[in-house]
């Protein structure tokens, strides 16, 4: 009887799919949670990604692959990130993002501190209905270290 590992089998499946199904969402075996988030975000007029780190960048790439082009900027609490550009999008403070895009949907991208960021946005006056937590741990997306 041949021995195998789950990782080996999954890699073989991904390689086979990559030959026949070029859609990246299929290659990453995205979850129902991911597909539901994508449908929700496609319906939004404007998006602000909260968090310009590696998870925010990975989520932006996923949104672009899904044909979502309504991301206006990143916002971040990290003062060192402010004023920079990430993937051609400005990084601004959460307060500036709310001022410039008052009707935008704020997408929380960090895998940690979601509750703290949620409380911050609500205290700033962002409607709770305009906040989405994009928990990358539950999506099936692979994020490089």
N, C-alpha and C. Protein backbone atom coordinates (compact mmCIF):
# COMPACT_ATOMS: atom_id res chain seq x y z
N UNK A 1 0.84 -1.19 0.00
CA UNK A 1 0.00 0.00 0.00
C UNK A 1 0.88 1.25 0.00
N UNK A 2 0.58 2.18 -0.90
CA UNK A 2 1.38 3.39 -1.03
C UNK A 2 1.09 4.36 0.11
N UNK A 3 2.15 5.03 0.59
CA UNK A 3 1.98 6.03 1.63
C UNK A 3 1.87 7.41 1.01
N UNK A 4 1.08 8.28 1.64
CA UNK A 4 0.92 9.64 1.14
C UNK A 4 0.60 10.56 2.30
N UNK A 5 0.78 11.87 2.06
CA UNK A 5 0.42 12.87 3.06
C UNK A 5 -0.68 13.76 2.49
N UNK A 6 -1.41 14.38 3.36
CA UNK A 6 -2.47 15.29 2.93
C UNK A 6 -1.89 16.43 2.11
N UNK A 7 -0.75 16.98 2.55
CA UNK A 7 -0.13 18.08 1.83
C UNK A 7 0.26 17.65 0.42
N UNK A 8 0.75 16.43 0.28
CA UNK A 8 1.16 15.92 -1.02
C UNK A 8 -0.06 15.80 -1.94
N UNK A 9 -1.14 15.26 -1.42
CA UNK A 9 -2.36 15.09 -2.21
C UNK A 9 -2.93 16.45 -2.61
N UNK A 10 -2.97 17.41 -1.67
CA UNK A 10 -3.50 18.73 -1.97
C UNK A 10 -2.64 19.43 -3.02
N UNK A 11 -1.33 19.28 -2.94
CA UNK A 11 -0.45 19.88 -3.94
C UNK A 11 -0.73 19.28 -5.32
N UNK A 12 -0.92 17.99 -5.40
CA UNK A 12 -1.22 17.34 -6.67
C UNK A 12 -2.56 17.81 -7.23
N UNK A 13 -3.54 17.98 -6.36
CA UNK A 13 -4.85 18.46 -6.80
C UNK A 13 -4.73 19.89 -7.33
N UNK A 14 -4.01 20.75 -6.60
CA UNK A 14 -3.82 22.13 -7.03
C UNK A 14 -3.10 22.19 -8.38
N UNK A 15 -2.08 21.36 -8.56
CA UNK A 15 -1.36 21.33 -9.82
C UNK A 15 -2.28 20.89 -10.97
N UNK A 16 -3.11 19.91 -10.72
CA UNK A 16 -4.03 19.44 -11.75
C UNK A 16 -5.06 20.52 -12.09
N UNK A 17 -5.58 21.18 -11.06
CA UNK A 17 -6.55 22.25 -11.29
C UNK A 17 -5.93 23.41 -12.05
N UNK A 18 -4.67 23.71 -11.76
CA UNK A 18 -4.03 24.83 -12.42
C UNK A 18 -3.92 24.61 -13.93
N UNK A 19 -3.91 23.37 -14.36
CA UNK A 19 -3.86 23.05 -15.79
C UNK A 19 -5.21 23.25 -16.47
N UNK A 20 -6.29 23.06 -15.72
CA UNK A 20 -7.62 23.09 -16.33
C UNK A 20 -8.48 24.25 -15.89
N UNK A 21 -8.23 24.82 -14.72
CA UNK A 21 -9.07 25.88 -14.17
C UNK A 21 -8.18 27.04 -13.72
N UNK A 22 -7.99 28.05 -14.55
CA UNK A 22 -7.06 29.12 -14.20
C UNK A 22 -7.56 30.10 -13.15
N UNK A 23 -8.82 30.02 -12.73
CA UNK A 23 -9.35 30.97 -11.74
C UNK A 23 -8.67 30.72 -10.40
N UNK A 24 -8.00 31.74 -9.89
CA UNK A 24 -7.20 31.60 -8.69
C UNK A 24 -8.02 31.19 -7.48
N UNK A 25 -9.27 31.65 -7.40
CA UNK A 25 -10.12 31.25 -6.29
C UNK A 25 -10.28 29.75 -6.21
N UNK A 26 -10.34 29.10 -7.36
CA UNK A 26 -10.45 27.64 -7.37
C UNK A 26 -9.15 26.99 -6.91
N UNK A 27 -8.02 27.59 -7.27
CA UNK A 27 -6.74 27.01 -6.89
C UNK A 27 -6.52 27.08 -5.39
N UNK A 28 -7.03 28.10 -4.76
CA UNK A 28 -6.84 28.25 -3.33
C UNK A 28 -7.94 27.59 -2.51
N UNK A 29 -8.88 26.93 -3.16
CA UNK A 29 -9.96 26.26 -2.44
C UNK A 29 -10.61 27.21 -1.45
N UNK A 30 -11.05 28.34 -1.96
CA UNK A 30 -11.64 29.35 -1.10
C UNK A 30 -12.90 28.81 -0.43
N UNK A 31 -13.20 29.40 0.70
CA UNK A 31 -14.30 28.94 1.53
C UNK A 31 -15.60 29.67 1.19
N UNK A 32 -16.67 29.15 1.74
CA UNK A 32 -17.97 29.81 1.62
C UNK A 32 -17.88 31.22 2.20
N UNK A 33 -17.19 31.38 3.31
CA UNK A 33 -16.98 32.68 3.95
C UNK A 33 -16.36 33.67 2.96
N UNK A 34 -15.33 33.24 2.25
CA UNK A 34 -14.65 34.08 1.26
C UNK A 34 -15.61 34.48 0.15
N UNK A 35 -16.31 33.53 -0.41
CA UNK A 35 -17.22 33.82 -1.52
C UNK A 35 -18.33 34.77 -1.09
N UNK A 36 -18.81 34.61 0.14
CA UNK A 36 -19.86 35.50 0.66
C UNK A 36 -19.31 36.93 0.82
N UNK A 37 -18.10 37.05 1.34
CA UNK A 37 -17.48 38.37 1.48
C UNK A 37 -17.31 39.04 0.12
N UNK A 38 -16.86 38.29 -0.86
CA UNK A 38 -16.64 38.85 -2.20
C UNK A 38 -17.96 39.37 -2.76
N UNK A 39 -19.02 38.60 -2.62
CA UNK A 39 -20.34 39.06 -3.11
C UNK A 39 -20.74 40.36 -2.41
N UNK A 40 -20.54 40.42 -1.11
CA UNK A 40 -20.88 41.60 -0.34
C UNK A 40 -20.06 42.81 -0.78
N UNK A 41 -18.77 42.63 -0.96
CA UNK A 41 -17.90 43.74 -1.32
C UNK A 41 -18.12 44.22 -2.75
N UNK A 42 -18.55 43.33 -3.62
CA UNK A 42 -18.86 43.74 -5.00
C UNK A 42 -20.05 44.70 -5.04
N UNK A 43 -20.90 44.63 -4.04
CA UNK A 43 -22.10 45.47 -3.99
C UNK A 43 -21.81 46.88 -3.46
N UNK A 44 -20.64 47.10 -2.89
CA UNK A 44 -20.32 48.38 -2.27
C UNK A 44 -19.85 49.39 -3.30
N UNK A 45 -20.22 50.65 -3.08
CA UNK A 45 -19.82 51.72 -4.00
C UNK A 45 -18.32 52.01 -3.87
N UNK A 46 -17.84 52.15 -2.63
CA UNK A 46 -16.44 52.43 -2.37
C UNK A 46 -15.96 51.59 -1.20
N UNK A 47 -14.69 51.20 -1.26
CA UNK A 47 -14.08 50.43 -0.18
C UNK A 47 -12.84 51.13 0.33
N UNK A 48 -12.65 51.08 1.65
CA UNK A 48 -11.43 51.54 2.30
C UNK A 48 -10.88 50.33 3.05
N UNK A 49 -9.65 49.95 2.75
CA UNK A 49 -9.03 48.81 3.42
C UNK A 49 -8.29 49.33 4.65
N UNK A 50 -8.69 48.84 5.82
CA UNK A 50 -8.05 49.26 7.06
C UNK A 50 -6.91 48.28 7.34
N UNK A 51 -5.70 48.75 7.14
CA UNK A 51 -4.51 47.93 7.36
C UNK A 51 -3.73 47.79 6.07
N UNK A 52 -2.55 48.41 6.03
CA UNK A 52 -1.73 48.41 4.81
C UNK A 52 -0.58 47.41 4.92
N UNK A 53 -0.72 46.44 5.81
CA UNK A 53 0.32 45.41 5.97
C UNK A 53 0.13 44.26 5.00
N UNK A 54 0.77 43.14 5.31
CA UNK A 54 0.76 42.02 4.36
C UNK A 54 -0.64 41.45 4.15
N UNK A 55 -1.49 41.48 5.16
CA UNK A 55 -2.85 40.96 4.97
C UNK A 55 -3.69 41.92 4.14
N UNK A 56 -3.52 43.20 4.36
CA UNK A 56 -4.23 44.18 3.53
C UNK A 56 -3.82 44.08 2.07
N UNK A 57 -2.53 43.89 1.84
CA UNK A 57 -2.02 43.75 0.47
C UNK A 57 -2.55 42.46 -0.16
N UNK A 58 -2.56 41.38 0.61
CA UNK A 58 -3.08 40.10 0.08
C UNK A 58 -4.57 40.21 -0.23
N UNK A 59 -5.32 40.90 0.62
CA UNK A 59 -6.75 41.06 0.39
C UNK A 59 -6.99 41.95 -0.83
N UNK A 60 -6.21 43.01 -0.99
CA UNK A 60 -6.33 43.84 -2.18
C UNK A 60 -6.09 43.01 -3.44
N UNK A 61 -5.07 42.18 -3.43
CA UNK A 61 -4.78 41.32 -4.59
C UNK A 61 -5.95 40.38 -4.87
N UNK A 62 -6.53 39.82 -3.82
CA UNK A 62 -7.69 38.92 -4.01
C UNK A 62 -8.87 39.68 -4.59
N UNK A 63 -9.11 40.90 -4.10
CA UNK A 63 -10.22 41.71 -4.61
C UNK A 63 -10.01 42.03 -6.10
N UNK A 64 -8.78 42.36 -6.45
CA UNK A 64 -8.48 42.65 -7.86
C UNK A 64 -8.72 41.41 -8.73
N UNK A 65 -8.30 40.24 -8.25
CA UNK A 65 -8.52 39.01 -9.01
C UNK A 65 -10.01 38.74 -9.21
N UNK A 66 -10.81 39.20 -8.26
CA UNK A 66 -12.26 39.00 -8.32
C UNK A 66 -12.96 40.10 -9.11
N UNK A 67 -12.18 41.02 -9.67
CA UNK A 67 -12.76 42.09 -10.48
C UNK A 67 -13.30 43.27 -9.68
N UNK A 68 -12.91 43.37 -8.43
CA UNK A 68 -13.36 44.47 -7.58
C UNK A 68 -12.34 45.60 -7.68
N UNK A 69 -12.77 46.72 -8.22
CA UNK A 69 -11.84 47.84 -8.46
C UNK A 69 -12.26 49.12 -7.75
N UNK A 70 -13.11 49.00 -6.74
CA UNK A 70 -13.62 50.19 -6.07
C UNK A 70 -12.90 50.50 -4.75
N UNK A 71 -11.70 49.96 -4.56
CA UNK A 71 -10.91 50.28 -3.37
C UNK A 71 -10.28 51.65 -3.59
N UNK A 72 -10.54 52.56 -2.68
CA UNK A 72 -10.08 53.94 -2.83
C UNK A 72 -8.74 54.20 -2.15
N UNK A 73 -8.51 53.54 -1.01
CA UNK A 73 -7.28 53.79 -0.27
C UNK A 73 -7.11 52.73 0.82
N UNK A 74 -5.95 52.76 1.43
CA UNK A 74 -5.70 52.05 2.68
C UNK A 74 -5.77 53.09 3.78
N UNK A 75 -6.22 52.69 4.95
CA UNK A 75 -6.04 53.54 6.13
C UNK A 75 -5.32 52.69 7.17
N UNK A 76 -4.59 53.35 8.04
CA UNK A 76 -3.77 52.61 8.99
C UNK A 76 -3.50 53.48 10.20
N UNK A 77 -3.33 52.83 11.35
CA UNK A 77 -2.96 53.54 12.58
C UNK A 77 -1.45 53.73 12.70
N UNK A 78 -0.70 53.00 11.90
CA UNK A 78 0.76 53.06 11.95
C UNK A 78 1.24 54.36 11.28
N UNK A 79 1.76 55.27 12.09
CA UNK A 79 2.19 56.56 11.56
C UNK A 79 3.29 56.43 10.51
N UNK A 80 4.10 55.38 10.59
CA UNK A 80 5.18 55.18 9.62
C UNK A 80 4.63 54.84 8.23
N UNK A 81 3.42 54.30 8.17
CA UNK A 81 2.81 53.94 6.88
C UNK A 81 2.09 55.11 6.22
N UNK A 82 1.69 56.08 7.03
CA UNK A 82 0.90 57.20 6.50
C UNK A 82 1.70 58.01 5.49
N UNK A 83 1.04 58.40 4.42
CA UNK A 83 1.66 59.19 3.37
C UNK A 83 2.35 58.34 2.31
N UNK A 84 2.45 57.05 2.55
CA UNK A 84 3.06 56.16 1.57
C UNK A 84 2.00 55.68 0.59
N UNK A 85 2.45 54.99 -0.43
CA UNK A 85 1.57 54.39 -1.42
C UNK A 85 1.80 52.89 -1.42
N UNK A 86 0.73 52.13 -1.41
CA UNK A 86 0.81 50.67 -1.47
C UNK A 86 0.00 50.22 -2.67
N UNK A 87 0.66 49.60 -3.61
CA UNK A 87 0.01 49.12 -4.83
C UNK A 87 -0.82 50.23 -5.47
N UNK A 88 -0.22 51.41 -5.57
CA UNK A 88 -0.80 52.60 -6.19
C UNK A 88 -1.95 53.23 -5.41
N UNK A 89 -2.17 52.78 -4.18
CA UNK A 89 -3.22 53.36 -3.34
C UNK A 89 -2.57 54.13 -2.19
N UNK A 90 -3.10 55.32 -1.87
CA UNK A 90 -2.53 56.07 -0.75
C UNK A 90 -2.86 55.41 0.58
N UNK A 91 -1.96 55.61 1.55
CA UNK A 91 -2.19 55.15 2.92
C UNK A 91 -2.43 56.41 3.74
N UNK A 92 -3.64 56.51 4.29
CA UNK A 92 -4.03 57.70 5.06
C UNK A 92 -4.54 57.27 6.43
N UNK A 93 -4.75 58.23 7.29
CA UNK A 93 -5.25 57.92 8.63
C UNK A 93 -6.72 57.51 8.54
N UNK A 94 -7.20 56.76 9.53
CA UNK A 94 -8.62 56.39 9.54
C UNK A 94 -9.53 57.63 9.53
N UNK A 95 -9.13 58.67 10.25
CA UNK A 95 -9.93 59.90 10.30
C UNK A 95 -10.02 60.55 8.92
N UNK A 96 -8.88 60.61 8.22
CA UNK A 96 -8.88 61.19 6.87
C UNK A 96 -9.70 60.33 5.91
N UNK A 97 -9.63 59.02 6.09
CA UNK A 97 -10.40 58.11 5.22
C UNK A 97 -11.90 58.35 5.41
N UNK A 98 -12.32 58.51 6.65
CA UNK A 98 -13.74 58.77 6.92
C UNK A 98 -14.16 60.12 6.35
N UNK A 99 -13.29 61.10 6.47
CA UNK A 99 -13.61 62.43 5.95
C UNK A 99 -13.71 62.40 4.41
N UNK A 100 -12.77 61.72 3.76
CA UNK A 100 -12.74 61.69 2.30
C UNK A 100 -13.77 60.73 1.69
N UNK A 101 -14.08 59.66 2.41
CA UNK A 101 -14.99 58.63 1.89
C UNK A 101 -16.05 58.28 2.95
N UNK A 102 -16.92 59.24 3.29
CA UNK A 102 -17.87 59.04 4.38
C UNK A 102 -18.88 57.92 4.13
N UNK A 103 -19.12 57.58 2.88
CA UNK A 103 -20.09 56.53 2.57
C UNK A 103 -19.44 55.20 2.21
N UNK A 104 -18.12 55.11 2.39
CA UNK A 104 -17.39 53.90 2.02
C UNK A 104 -17.64 52.78 3.02
N UNK A 105 -17.43 51.58 2.55
CA UNK A 105 -17.42 50.40 3.41
C UNK A 105 -15.98 50.21 3.88
N UNK A 106 -15.77 50.17 5.19
CA UNK A 106 -14.44 49.98 5.75
C UNK A 106 -14.21 48.48 5.94
N UNK A 107 -13.14 47.97 5.34
CA UNK A 107 -12.82 46.55 5.40
C UNK A 107 -11.62 46.37 6.32
N UNK A 108 -11.84 45.72 7.45
CA UNK A 108 -10.77 45.47 8.42
C UNK A 108 -9.97 44.27 7.94
N UNK A 109 -8.66 44.48 7.69
CA UNK A 109 -7.84 43.43 7.10
C UNK A 109 -6.90 42.69 8.06
N UNK A 110 -6.40 43.31 9.15
CA UNK A 110 -5.45 42.57 9.98
C UNK A 110 -6.08 41.32 10.59
N UNK A 111 -5.27 40.27 10.75
CA UNK A 111 -5.81 39.04 11.33
C UNK A 111 -5.87 39.14 12.85
N UNK A 112 -5.25 40.15 13.41
CA UNK A 112 -5.31 40.41 14.85
C UNK A 112 -5.88 41.81 15.04
N UNK A 113 -6.38 42.07 16.23
CA UNK A 113 -6.90 43.40 16.60
C UNK A 113 -8.19 43.78 15.90
N UNK A 114 -8.94 42.82 15.36
CA UNK A 114 -10.19 43.15 14.67
C UNK A 114 -11.16 43.89 15.58
N UNK A 115 -11.29 43.41 16.82
CA UNK A 115 -12.25 44.03 17.74
C UNK A 115 -11.85 45.45 18.11
N UNK A 116 -10.56 45.67 18.32
CA UNK A 116 -10.09 47.01 18.65
C UNK A 116 -10.34 47.97 17.49
N UNK A 117 -10.07 47.52 16.27
CA UNK A 117 -10.29 48.37 15.09
C UNK A 117 -11.78 48.62 14.89
N UNK A 118 -12.59 47.62 15.10
CA UNK A 118 -14.03 47.78 14.99
C UNK A 118 -14.52 48.84 15.97
N UNK A 119 -14.08 48.75 17.22
CA UNK A 119 -14.47 49.75 18.23
C UNK A 119 -13.99 51.15 17.83
N UNK A 120 -12.78 51.24 17.31
CA UNK A 120 -12.23 52.53 16.87
C UNK A 120 -13.10 53.15 15.79
N UNK A 121 -13.45 52.36 14.79
CA UNK A 121 -14.27 52.88 13.68
C UNK A 121 -15.65 53.32 14.16
N UNK A 122 -16.26 52.54 15.03
CA UNK A 122 -17.59 52.90 15.55
C UNK A 122 -17.50 54.18 16.37
N UNK A 123 -16.46 54.30 17.20
CA UNK A 123 -16.28 55.53 18.00
C UNK A 123 -16.06 56.75 17.10
N UNK A 124 -15.44 56.53 15.93
CA UNK A 124 -15.20 57.64 14.99
C UNK A 124 -16.48 58.05 14.28
N UNK A 125 -17.51 57.20 14.33
CA UNK A 125 -18.77 57.54 13.69
C UNK A 125 -19.09 56.73 12.45
N UNK A 126 -18.29 55.70 12.17
CA UNK A 126 -18.59 54.84 11.03
C UNK A 126 -19.77 53.94 11.42
N UNK A 127 -20.77 53.89 10.57
CA UNK A 127 -21.94 53.05 10.80
C UNK A 127 -21.51 51.59 10.83
N UNK A 128 -21.95 50.85 11.81
CA UNK A 128 -21.58 49.44 11.96
C UNK A 128 -21.94 48.63 10.71
N UNK A 129 -22.97 49.06 9.99
CA UNK A 129 -23.37 48.38 8.76
C UNK A 129 -22.38 48.63 7.62
N UNK A 130 -21.48 49.59 7.82
CA UNK A 130 -20.49 49.93 6.80
C UNK A 130 -19.09 49.40 7.15
N UNK A 131 -19.05 48.40 8.02
CA UNK A 131 -17.78 47.81 8.44
C UNK A 131 -17.83 46.31 8.17
N UNK A 132 -16.79 45.80 7.53
CA UNK A 132 -16.69 44.37 7.26
C UNK A 132 -15.35 43.89 7.79
N UNK A 133 -15.36 42.80 8.53
CA UNK A 133 -14.11 42.18 8.97
C UNK A 133 -13.77 41.07 7.97
N UNK A 134 -12.66 41.24 7.27
CA UNK A 134 -12.21 40.26 6.28
C UNK A 134 -11.14 39.41 6.97
N UNK A 135 -11.58 38.38 7.68
CA UNK A 135 -10.68 37.54 8.44
C UNK A 135 -10.00 36.55 7.49
N UNK A 136 -8.78 36.84 7.12
CA UNK A 136 -8.09 36.06 6.11
C UNK A 136 -7.86 34.61 6.55
N UNK A 137 -7.86 34.36 7.87
CA UNK A 137 -7.66 33.00 8.37
C UNK A 137 -8.80 32.08 7.92
N UNK A 138 -9.96 32.64 7.65
CA UNK A 138 -11.13 31.83 7.32
C UNK A 138 -11.46 31.80 5.83
N UNK A 139 -10.53 32.24 4.98
CA UNK A 139 -10.84 32.38 3.57
C UNK A 139 -10.32 31.26 2.68
N UNK A 140 -9.27 30.60 3.11
CA UNK A 140 -8.61 29.65 2.24
C UNK A 140 -7.50 30.27 1.43
N UNK A 141 -7.32 31.60 1.54
CA UNK A 141 -6.23 32.29 0.84
C UNK A 141 -4.91 31.98 1.51
N UNK A 142 -3.87 31.89 0.71
CA UNK A 142 -2.53 31.63 1.23
C UNK A 142 -1.78 32.95 1.23
N UNK A 143 -1.21 33.30 2.39
CA UNK A 143 -0.45 34.53 2.51
C UNK A 143 0.99 34.17 2.78
N UNK A 144 1.87 34.67 1.92
CA UNK A 144 3.30 34.41 2.08
C UNK A 144 3.83 35.15 3.30
N UNK A 145 4.79 34.56 4.00
CA UNK A 145 5.40 35.24 5.15
C UNK A 145 6.38 36.28 4.71
